[in-house]
Amino acid sequence: DVVVVARGGGSNADLEAFNTELVARAVASCAKPVISAV
């Protein structure tokens, strides 16, 4: 019913994957409501 994208705390470099265009488009195109907890 819902999809949660989650990652614990870290530096900007650690969170870099969640700032990529690939992941952003995947989140936006997901057919389920997404909760981002990064």
Full PDB file with SEQRES, HELIX, SHEET, SSBOND, CRYST1, ORIGX, SCALE, CONECT and MASTER records, all heavy atoms in Angstrom:
SEQRES   1 A   38  ASP VAL VAL VAL VAL ALA ARG GLY GLY GLY SER ASN ALA          
SEQRES   2 A   38  ASP LEU GLU ALA PHE ASN THR GLU LEU VAL ALA ARG ALA          
SEQRES   3 A   38  VAL ALA SER CYS ALA LYS PRO VAL ILE SER ALA VAL              
HELIX    1 AA1 GLU A   16  ASN A   19  5                                   4    
HELIX    2 AA2 GLU A   21  SER A   29  1                                   9    
SHEET    1 AA1 2 VAL A   3  ALA A   6  0                                        
SHEET    2 AA1 2 VAL A  34  ALA A  37  1                                        
CRYST1    1.000    1.000    1.000  90.00  90.00  90.00 P 1           1          
ORIGX1      1.000000  0.000000  0.000000        0.00000                         
ORIGX2      0.000000  1.000000  0.000000        0.00000                         
ORIGX3      0.000000  0.000000  1.000000        0.00000                         
SCALE1      1.000000  0.000000  0.000000        0.00000                         
SCALE2      0.000000  1.000000  0.000000        0.00000                         
SCALE3      0.000000  0.000000  1.000000        0.00000                         
ATOM      1  N   ASP A   1       0.819  -1.205   0.000  1.00  0.00           N  
ATOM      2  CA  ASP A   1       0.000   0.000   0.000  1.00  0.00           C  
ATOM      3  C   ASP A   1       0.855   1.259   0.000  1.00  0.00           C  
ATOM      4  O   ASP A   1       0.380   2.328  -0.413  1.00  0.00           O  
ATOM      5  CB  ASP A   1      -0.914   0.004   1.231  1.00  0.00           C  
ATOM      6  CG  ASP A   1      -1.835  -1.187   1.243  1.00  0.00           C  
ATOM      7  OD1 ASP A   1      -2.574  -1.368   0.269  1.00  0.00           O  
ATOM      8  OD2 ASP A   1      -1.812  -1.948   2.231  1.00  0.00           O  
ATOM      9  N   VAL A   2       2.089   1.146   0.479  1.00  0.00           N  
ATOM     10  CA  VAL A   2       2.989   2.304   0.539  1.00  0.00           C  
ATOM     11  C   VAL A   2       4.418   1.779   0.467  1.00  0.00           C  
ATOM     12  O   VAL A   2       4.699   0.644   0.878  1.00  0.00           O  
ATOM     13  CB  VAL A   2       2.754   3.109   1.836  1.00  0.00           C  
ATOM     14  CG1 VAL A   2       3.150   2.302   3.063  1.00  0.00           C  
ATOM     15  CG2 VAL A   2       3.508   4.425   1.820  1.00  0.00           C  
ATOM     16  N   VAL A   3       5.332   2.604  -0.071  1.00  0.00           N  
ATOM     17  CA  VAL A   3       6.743   2.238  -0.173  1.00  0.00           C  
ATOM     18  C   VAL A   3       7.567   3.267   0.596  1.00  0.00           C  
ATOM     19  O   VAL A   3       7.384   4.476   0.408  1.00  0.00           O  
ATOM     20  CB  VAL A   3       7.210   2.182  -1.642  1.00  0.00           C  
ATOM     21  CG1 VAL A   3       8.706   1.871  -1.717  1.00  0.00           C  
ATOM     22  CG2 VAL A   3       6.411   1.138  -2.413  1.00  0.00           C  
ATOM     23  N   VAL A   4       8.443   2.779   1.467  1.00  0.00           N  
ATOM     24  CA  VAL A   4       9.302   3.649   2.272  1.00  0.00           C  
ATOM     25  C   VAL A   4      10.738   3.504   1.772  1.00  0.00           C  
ATOM     26  O   VAL A   4      11.274   2.394   1.714  1.00  0.00           O  
ATOM     27  CB  VAL A   4       9.224   3.277   3.765  1.00  0.00           C  
ATOM     28  CG1 VAL A   4      10.147   4.180   4.582  1.00  0.00           C  
ATOM     29  CG2 VAL A   4       7.788   3.382   4.262  1.00  0.00           C  
ATOM     30  N   VAL A   5      11.335   4.636   1.393  1.00  0.00           N  
ATOM     31  CA  VAL A   5      12.756   4.661   1.024  1.00  0.00           C  
ATOM     32  C   VAL A   5      13.500   5.197   2.242  1.00  0.00           C  
ATOM     33  O   VAL A   5      13.286   6.341   2.647  1.00  0.00           O  
ATOM     34  CB  VAL A   5      12.997   5.568  -0.204  1.00  0.00           C  
ATOM     35  CG1 VAL A   5      14.469   5.548  -0.580  1.00  0.00           C  
ATOM     36  CG2 VAL A   5      12.154   5.097  -1.374  1.00  0.00           C  
ATOM     37  N   ALA A   6      14.367   4.368   2.825  1.00  0.00           N  
ATOM     38  CA  ALA A   6      14.948   4.738   4.124  1.00  0.00           C  
ATOM     39  C   ALA A   6      16.457   4.557   4.126  1.00  0.00           C  
ATOM     40  O   ALA A   6      16.993   3.647   3.490  1.00  0.00           O  
ATOM     41  CB  ALA A   6      14.315   3.907   5.238  1.00  0.00           C  
ATOM     42  N   ARG A   7      17.103   5.467   4.863  1.00  0.00           N  
ATOM     43  CA  ARG A   7      18.537   5.362   5.109  1.00  0.00           C  
ATOM     44  C   ARG A   7      18.859   6.143   6.365  1.00  0.00           C  
ATOM     45  O   ARG A   7      18.289   7.207   6.607  1.00  0.00           O  
ATOM     46  CB  ARG A   7      19.339   5.948   3.932  1.00  0.00           C  
ATOM     47  CG  ARG A   7      20.820   5.547   3.970  1.00  0.00           C  
ATOM     48  CD  ARG A   7      21.736   6.737   3.824  1.00  0.00           C  
ATOM     49  NE  ARG A   7      23.126   6.340   3.686  1.00  0.00           N  
ATOM     50  CZ  ARG A   7      23.946   6.146   4.718  1.00  0.00           C  
ATOM     51  NH1 ARG A   7      23.506   6.308   5.967  1.00  0.00           N  
ATOM     52  NH2 ARG A   7      25.206   5.793   4.528  1.00  0.00           N  
ATOM     53  N   GLY A   8      19.766   5.631   7.170  1.00  0.00           N  
ATOM     54  CA  GLY A   8      20.140   6.319   8.397  1.00  0.00           C  
ATOM     55  C   GLY A   8      20.956   7.560   8.117  1.00  0.00           C  
ATOM     56  O   GLY A   8      21.272   7.895   6.968  1.00  0.00           O  
ATOM     57  N   GLY A   9      21.312   8.265   9.175  1.00  0.00           N  
ATOM     58  CA  GLY A   9      22.058   9.505   9.032  1.00  0.00           C  
ATOM     59  C   GLY A   9      23.464   9.280   8.504  1.00  0.00           C  
ATOM     60  O   GLY A   9      24.025   8.182   8.574  1.00  0.00           O  
ATOM     61  N   GLY A  10      24.038  10.315   7.955  1.00  0.00           N  
ATOM     62  CA  GLY A  10      25.392  10.246   7.423  1.00  0.00           C  
ATOM     63  C   GLY A  10      25.791  11.581   6.819  1.00  0.00           C  
ATOM     64  O   GLY A  10      25.045  12.562   6.877  1.00  0.00           O  
ATOM     65  N   SER A  11      26.941  11.604   6.208  1.00  0.00           N  
ATOM     66  CA  SER A  11      27.421  12.828   5.570  1.00  0.00           C  
ATOM     67  C   SER A  11      26.725  13.009   4.232  1.00  0.00           C  
ATOM     68  O   SER A  11      25.991  12.134   3.759  1.00  0.00           O  
ATOM     69  CB  SER A  11      28.930  12.741   5.360  1.00  0.00           C  
ATOM     70  OG  SER A  11      29.228  11.701   4.435  1.00  0.00           O  
ATOM     71  N   ASN A  12      26.958  14.156   3.616  1.00  0.00           N  
ATOM     72  CA  ASN A  12      26.399  14.397   2.284  1.00  0.00           C  
ATOM     73  C   ASN A  12      26.876  13.350   1.287  1.00  0.00           C  
ATOM     74  O   ASN A  12      26.130  12.932   0.397  1.00  0.00           O  
ATOM     75  CB  ASN A  12      26.789  15.793   1.799  1.00  0.00           C  
ATOM     76  CG  ASN A  12      25.969  16.865   2.481  1.00  0.00           C  
ATOM     77  OD1 ASN A  12      25.035  16.565   3.198  1.00  0.00           O  
ATOM     78  ND2 ASN A  12      26.347  18.113   2.269  1.00  0.00           N  
ATOM     79  N   ALA A  13      28.122  12.928   1.447  1.00  0.00           N  
ATOM     80  CA  ALA A  13      28.651  11.906   0.544  1.00  0.00           C  
ATOM     81  C   ALA A  13      27.924  10.580   0.753  1.00  0.00           C  
ATOM     82  O   ALA A  13      27.673   9.841  -0.201  1.00  0.00           O  
ATOM     83  CB  ALA A  13      30.148  11.734   0.776  1.00  0.00           C  
ATOM     84  N   ASP A  14      27.565  10.282   2.005  1.00  0.00           N  
ATOM     85  CA  ASP A  14      26.848   9.036   2.288  1.00  0.00           C  
ATOM     86  C   ASP A  14      25.447   9.037   1.693  1.00  0.00           C  
ATOM     87  O   ASP A  14      24.912   7.987   1.341  1.00  0.00           O  
ATOM     88  CB  ASP A  14      26.750   8.821   3.801  1.00  0.00           C  
ATOM     89  CG  ASP A  14      28.119   8.613   4.438  1.00  0.00           C  
ATOM     90  OD1 ASP A  14      29.034   8.162   3.714  1.00  0.00           O  
ATOM     91  OD2 ASP A  14      28.276   8.921   5.626  1.00  0.00           O  
ATOM     92  N   LEU A  15      24.857  10.226   1.586  1.00  0.00           N  
ATOM     93  CA  LEU A  15      23.491  10.341   1.062  1.00  0.00           C  
ATOM     94  C   LEU A  15      23.453  10.602  -0.438  1.00  0.00           C  
ATOM     95  O   LEU A  15      22.384  10.861  -0.989  1.00  0.00           O  
ATOM     96  CB  LEU A  15      22.750  11.473   1.795  1.00  0.00           C  
ATOM     97  CG  LEU A  15      22.736  11.419   3.325  1.00  0.00           C  
ATOM     98  CD1 LEU A  15      21.959  12.604   3.879  1.00  0.00           C  
ATOM     99  CD2 LEU A  15      22.140  10.120   3.820  1.00  0.00           C  
ATOM    100  N   GLU A  16      24.606  10.522  -1.092  1.00  0.00           N  
ATOM    101  CA  GLU A  16      24.705  10.934  -2.486  1.00  0.00           C  
ATOM    102  C   GLU A  16      23.786  10.130  -3.402  1.00  0.00           C  
ATOM    103  O   GLU A  16      23.227  10.668  -4.370  1.00  0.00           O  
ATOM    104  CB  GLU A  16      26.153  10.792  -2.957  1.00  0.00           C  
ATOM    105  CG  GLU A  16      26.404  11.353  -4.334  1.00  0.00           C  
ATOM    106  CD  GLU A  16      27.885  11.324  -4.696  1.00  0.00           C  
ATOM    107  OE1 GLU A  16      28.685  10.852  -3.861  1.00  0.00           O  
ATOM    108  OE2 GLU A  16      28.225  11.773  -5.794  1.00  0.00           O  
ATOM    109  N   ALA A  17      23.588   8.841  -3.112  1.00  0.00           N  
ATOM    110  CA  ALA A  17      22.760   8.004  -3.989  1.00  0.00           C  
ATOM    111  C   ALA A  17      21.329   8.521  -4.062  1.00  0.00           C  
ATOM    112  O   ALA A  17      20.658   8.382  -5.090  1.00  0.00           O  
ATOM    113  CB  ALA A  17      22.769   6.556  -3.487  1.00  0.00           C  
ATOM    114  N   PHE A  18      20.850   9.135  -2.991  1.00  0.00           N  
ATOM    115  CA  PHE A  18      19.471   9.611  -2.938  1.00  0.00           C  
ATOM    116  C   PHE A  18      19.324  11.005  -3.563  1.00  0.00           C  
ATOM    117  O   PHE A  18      18.220  11.531  -3.606  1.00  0.00           O  
ATOM    118  CB  PHE A  18      18.972   9.622  -1.493  1.00  0.00           C  
ATOM    119  CG  PHE A  18      18.959   8.260  -0.871  1.00  0.00           C  
ATOM    120  CD1 PHE A  18      20.065   7.786  -0.165  1.00  0.00           C  
ATOM    121  CD2 PHE A  18      17.863   7.431  -1.007  1.00  0.00           C  
ATOM    122  CE1 PHE A  18      20.059   6.529   0.402  1.00  0.00           C  
ATOM    123  CE2 PHE A  18      17.844   6.163  -0.445  1.00  0.00           C  
ATOM    124  CZ  PHE A  18      18.945   5.708   0.261  1.00  0.00           C  
ATOM    125  N   ASN A  19      20.455  11.575  -4.016  1.00  0.00           N  
ATOM    126  CA  ASN A  19      20.421  12.855  -4.716  1.00  0.00           C  
ATOM    127  C   ASN A  19      20.697  12.682  -6.209  1.00  0.00           C  
ATOM    128  O   ASN A  19      20.927  13.673  -6.911  1.00  0.00           O  
ATOM    129  CB  ASN A  19      21.448  13.820  -4.115  1.00  0.00           C  
ATOM    130  CG  ASN A  19      20.968  14.387  -2.786  1.00  0.00           C  
ATOM    131  OD1 ASN A  19      19.794  14.711  -2.636  1.00  0.00           O  
ATOM    132  ND2 ASN A  19      21.884  14.499  -1.832  1.00  0.00           N  
ATOM    133  N   THR A  20      20.675  11.450  -6.674  1.00  0.00           N  
ATOM    134  CA  THR A  20      20.919  11.203  -8.090  1.00  0.00           C  
ATOM    135  C   THR A  20      19.613  11.311  -8.880  1.00  0.00           C  
ATOM    136  O   THR A  20      18.511  11.108  -8.353  1.00  0.00           O  
ATOM    137  CB  THR A  20      21.506   9.802  -8.298  1.00  0.00           C  
ATOM    138  OG1 THR A  20      20.572   8.823  -7.810  1.00  0.00           O  
ATOM    139  CG2 THR A  20      22.832   9.660  -7.565  1.00  0.00           C  
ATOM    140  N   GLU A  21      19.760  11.644 -10.155  1.00  0.00           N  
ATOM    141  CA  GLU A  21      18.590  11.767 -11.033  1.00  0.00           C  
ATOM    142  C   GLU A  21      17.889  10.426 -11.192  1.00  0.00           C  
ATOM    143  O   GLU A  21      16.650  10.365 -11.268  1.00  0.00           O  
ATOM    144  CB  GLU A  21      19.034  12.294 -12.399  1.00  0.00           C  
ATOM    145  CG  GLU A  21      17.875  12.528 -13.364  1.00  0.00           C  
ATOM    146  CD  GLU A  21      18.339  13.169 -14.660  1.00  0.00           C  
ATOM    147  OE1 GLU A  21      19.565  13.439 -14.795  1.00  0.00           O  
ATOM    148  OE2 GLU A  21      17.485  13.411 -15.539  1.00  0.00           O  
ATOM    149  N   LEU A  22      18.652   9.330 -11.206  1.00  0.00           N  
ATOM    150  CA  LEU A  22      18.075   8.006 -11.383  1.00  0.00           C  
ATOM    151  C   LEU A  22      17.104   7.673 -10.253  1.00  0.00           C  
ATOM    152  O   LEU A  22      15.967   7.239 -10.490  1.00  0.00           O  
ATOM    153  CB  LEU A  22      19.195   6.959 -11.448  1.00  0.00           C  
ATOM    154  CG  LEU A  22      18.757   5.508 -11.622  1.00  0.00           C  
ATOM    155  CD1 LEU A  22      18.047   5.327 -12.954  1.00  0.00           C  
ATOM    156  CD2 LEU A  22      19.973   4.580 -11.519  1.00  0.00           C  
ATOM    157  N   VAL A  23      17.537   7.886  -9.010  1.00  0.00           N  
ATOM    158  CA  VAL A  23      16.678   7.574  -7.862  1.00  0.00           C  
ATOM    159  C   VAL A  23      15.503   8.543  -7.792  1.00  0.00           C  
ATOM    160  O   VAL A  23      14.369   8.145  -7.494  1.00  0.00           O  
ATOM    161  CB  VAL A  23      17.497   7.604  -6.557  1.00  0.00           C  
ATOM    162  CG1 VAL A  23      16.581   7.505  -5.340  1.00  0.00           C  
ATOM    163  CG2 VAL A  23      18.509   6.466  -6.549  1.00  0.00           C  
ATOM    164  N   ALA A  24      15.746   9.821  -8.080  1.00  0.00           N  
ATOM    165  CA  ALA A  24      14.666  10.809  -8.032  1.00  0.00           C  
ATOM    166  C   ALA A  24      13.555  10.446  -9.012  1.00  0.00           C  
ATOM    167  O   ALA A  24      12.362  10.494  -8.678  1.00  0.00           O  
ATOM    168  CB  ALA A  24      15.211  12.201  -8.337  1.00  0.00           C  
ATOM    169  N   ARG A  25      13.946  10.058 -10.220  1.00  0.00           N  
ATOM    170  CA  ARG A  25      12.927   9.680 -11.208  1.00  0.00           C  
ATOM    171  C   ARG A  25      12.229   8.378 -10.810  1.00  0.00           C  
ATOM    172  O   ARG A  25      11.026   8.203 -11.068  1.00  0.00           O  
ATOM    173  CB  ARG A  25      13.564   9.545 -12.589  1.00  0.00           C  
ATOM    174  CG  ARG A  25      14.040  10.871 -13.159  1.00  0.00           C  
ATOM    175  CD  ARG A  25      14.463  10.740 -14.615  1.00  0.00           C  
ATOM    176  NE  ARG A  25      14.923  12.011 -15.157  1.00  0.00           N  
ATOM    177  CZ  ARG A  25      14.118  12.975 -15.602  1.00  0.00           C  
ATOM    178  NH1 ARG A  25      12.798  12.795 -15.569  1.00  0.00           N  
ATOM    179  NH2 ARG A  25      14.614  14.092 -16.078  1.00  0.00           N  
ATOM    180  N   ALA A  26      12.947   7.465 -10.198  1.00  0.00           N  
ATOM    181  CA  ALA A  26      12.332   6.210  -9.759  1.00  0.00           C  
ATOM    182  C   ALA A  26      11.295   6.476  -8.668  1.00  0.00           C  
ATOM    183  O   ALA A  26      10.222   5.857  -8.639  1.00  0.00           O  
ATOM    184  CB  ALA A  26      13.403   5.251  -9.253  1.00  0.00           C  
ATOM    185  N   VAL A  27      11.608   7.406  -7.752  1.00  0.00           N  
ATOM    186  CA  VAL A  27      10.647   7.763  -6.697  1.00  0.00           C  
ATOM    187  C   VAL A  27       9.419   8.424  -7.314  1.00  0.00           C  
ATOM    188  O   VAL A  27       8.275   8.106  -6.977  1.00  0.00           O  
ATOM    189  CB  VAL A  27      11.305   8.702  -5.669  1.00  0.00           C  
ATOM    190  CG1 VAL A  27      10.251   9.261  -4.703  1.00  0.00           C  
ATOM    191  CG2 VAL A  27      12.379   7.959  -4.881  1.00  0.00           C  
ATOM    192  N   ALA A  28       9.641   9.352  -8.242  1.00  0.00           N  
ATOM    193  CA  ALA A  28       8.527  10.092  -8.845  1.00  0.00           C  
ATOM    194  C   ALA A  28       7.628   9.191  -9.682  1.00  0.00           C  
ATOM    195  O   ALA A  28       6.417   9.417  -9.762  1.00  0.00           O  
ATOM    196  CB  ALA A  28       9.060  11.243  -9.694  1.00  0.00           C  
ATOM    197  N   SER A  29       8.202   8.168 -10.329  1.00  0.00           N  
ATOM    198  CA  SER A  29       7.409   7.301 -11.212  1.00  0.00           C  
ATOM    199  C   SER A  29       6.834   6.085 -10.502  1.00  0.00           C  
ATOM    200  O   SER A  29       6.151   5.282 -11.135  1.00  0.00           O  
ATOM    201  CB  SER A  29       8.280   6.843 -12.386  1.00  0.00           C  
ATOM    202  OG  SER A  29       9.385   6.072 -11.919  1.00  0.00           O  
ATOM    203  N   CYS A  30       7.096   5.937  -9.216  1.00  0.00           N  
ATOM    204  CA  CYS A  30       6.585   4.776  -8.475  1.00  0.00           C  
ATOM    205  C   CYS A  30       5.055   4.825  -8.447  1.00  0.00           C  
ATOM    206  O   CYS A  30       4.453   5.863  -8.174  1.00  0.00           O  
ATOM    207  CB  CYS A  30       7.143   4.761  -7.061  1.00  0.00           C  
ATOM    208  SG  CYS A  30       6.673   3.295  -6.102  1.00  0.00           S  
ATOM    209  N   ALA A  31       4.435   3.685  -8.721  1.00  0.00           N  
ATOM    210  CA  ALA A  31       2.967   3.615  -8.757  1.00  0.00           C  
ATOM    211  C   ALA A  31       2.355   3.562  -7.370  1.00  0.00           C  
ATOM    212  O   ALA A  31       1.133   3.612  -7.229  1.00  0.00           O  
ATOM    213  CB  ALA A  31       2.517   2.393  -9.565  1.00  0.00           C  
ATOM    214  N   LYS A  32       3.173   3.435  -6.347  1.00  0.00           N  
ATOM    215  CA  LYS A  32       2.704   3.425  -4.969  1.00  0.00           C  
ATOM    216  C   LYS A  32       3.117   4.735  -4.283  1.00  0.00           C  
ATOM    217  O   LYS A  32       4.132   5.333  -4.632  1.00  0.00           O  
ATOM    218  CB  LYS A  32       3.310   2.244  -4.193  1.00  0.00           C  
ATOM    219  CG  LYS A  32       3.102   0.891  -4.860  1.00  0.00           C  
ATOM    220  CD  LYS A  32       1.649   0.479  -4.858  1.00  0.00           C  
ATOM    221  CE  LYS A  32       1.494  -0.906  -5.492  1.00  0.00           C  
ATOM    222  NZ  LYS A  32       0.092  -1.347  -5.500  1.00  0.00           N  
ATOM    223  N   PRO A  33       2.327   5.186  -3.290  1.00  0.00           N  
ATOM    224  CA  PRO A  33       2.757   6.363  -2.529  1.00  0.00           C  
ATOM    225  C   PRO A  33       4.098   6.093  -1.842  1.00  0.00           C  
ATOM    226  O   PRO A  33       4.311   5.005  -1.303  1.00  0.00           O  
ATOM    227  CB  PRO A  33       1.627   6.542  -1.499  1.00  0.00           C  
ATOM    228  CG  PRO A  33       0.458   5.826  -2.080  1.00  0.00           C  
ATOM    229  CD  PRO A  33       1.008   4.683  -2.867  1.00  0.00           C  
ATOM    230  N   VAL A  34       4.987   7.077  -1.876  1.00  0.00           N  
ATOM    231  CA  VAL A  34       6.340   6.901  -1.349  1.00  0.00           C  
ATOM    232  C   VAL A  34       6.549   7.813  -0.144  1.00  0.00           C  
ATOM    233  O   VAL A  34       6.190   8.997  -0.179  1.00  0.00           O  
ATOM    234  CB  VAL A  34       7.401   7.205  -2.430  1.00  0.00           C  
ATOM    235  CG1 VAL A  34       8.809   7.080  -1.846  1.00  0.00           C  
ATOM    236  CG2 VAL A  34       7.233   6.253  -3.610  1.00  0.00           C  
ATOM    237  N   ILE A  35       7.140   7.238   0.902  1.00  0.00           N  
ATOM    238  CA  ILE A  35       7.600   8.016   2.057  1.00  0.00           C  
ATOM    239  C   ILE A  35       9.127   8.003   2.014  1.00  0.00           C  
ATOM    240  O   ILE A  35       9.737   6.934   2.003  1.00  0.00           O  
ATOM    241  CB  ILE A  35       7.107   7.418   3.384  1.00  0.00           C  
ATOM    242  CG1 ILE A  35       5.580   7.403   3.441  1.00  0.00           C  
ATOM    243  CG2 ILE A  35       7.671   8.192   4.568  1.00  0.00           C  
ATOM    244  CD1 ILE A  35       5.024   6.734   4.692  1.00  0.00           C  
ATOM    245  N   SER A  36       9.734   9.181   1.971  1.00  0.00           N  
ATOM    246  CA  SER A  36      11.185   9.286   1.937  1.00  0.00           C  
ATOM    247  C   SER A  36      11.693   9.589   3.344  1.00  0.00           C  
ATOM    248  O   SER A  36      11.316  10.585   3.951  1.00  0.00           O  
ATOM    249  CB  SER A  36      11.619  10.389   0.964  1.00  0.00           C  
ATOM    250  OG  SER A  36      13.026  10.515   0.965  1.00  0.00           O  
ATOM    251  N   ALA A  37      12.544   8.681   3.863  1.00  0.00           N  
ATOM    252  CA  ALA A  37      13.120   8.851   5.198  1.00  0.00           C  
ATOM    253  C   ALA A  37      14.626   8.670   5.080  1.00  0.00           C  
ATOM    254  O   ALA A  37      15.177   7.622   5.424  1.00  0.00           O  
ATOM    255  CB  ALA A  37      12.516   7.844   6.174  1.00  0.00           C  
ATOM    256  N   VAL A  38      15.290   9.711   4.574  1.00  0.00           N  
ATOM    257  CA  VAL A  38      16.716   9.634   4.271  1.00  0.00           C  
ATOM    258  C   VAL A  38      17.481  10.573   5.188  1.00  0.00           C  
ATOM    259  O   VAL A  38      17.208  11.785   5.225  1.00  0.00           O  
ATOM    260  CB  VAL A  38      16.978   9.995   2.795  1.00  0.00           C  
ATOM    261  CG1 VAL A  38      18.471   9.965   2.501  1.00  0.00           C  
ATOM    262  CG2 VAL A  38      16.238   9.028   1.877  1.00  0.00           C  
TER     263      VAL A  38                                                      
MASTER        0    0    0    2    2    0    0    6  262    1    0    3          
END                                                                             
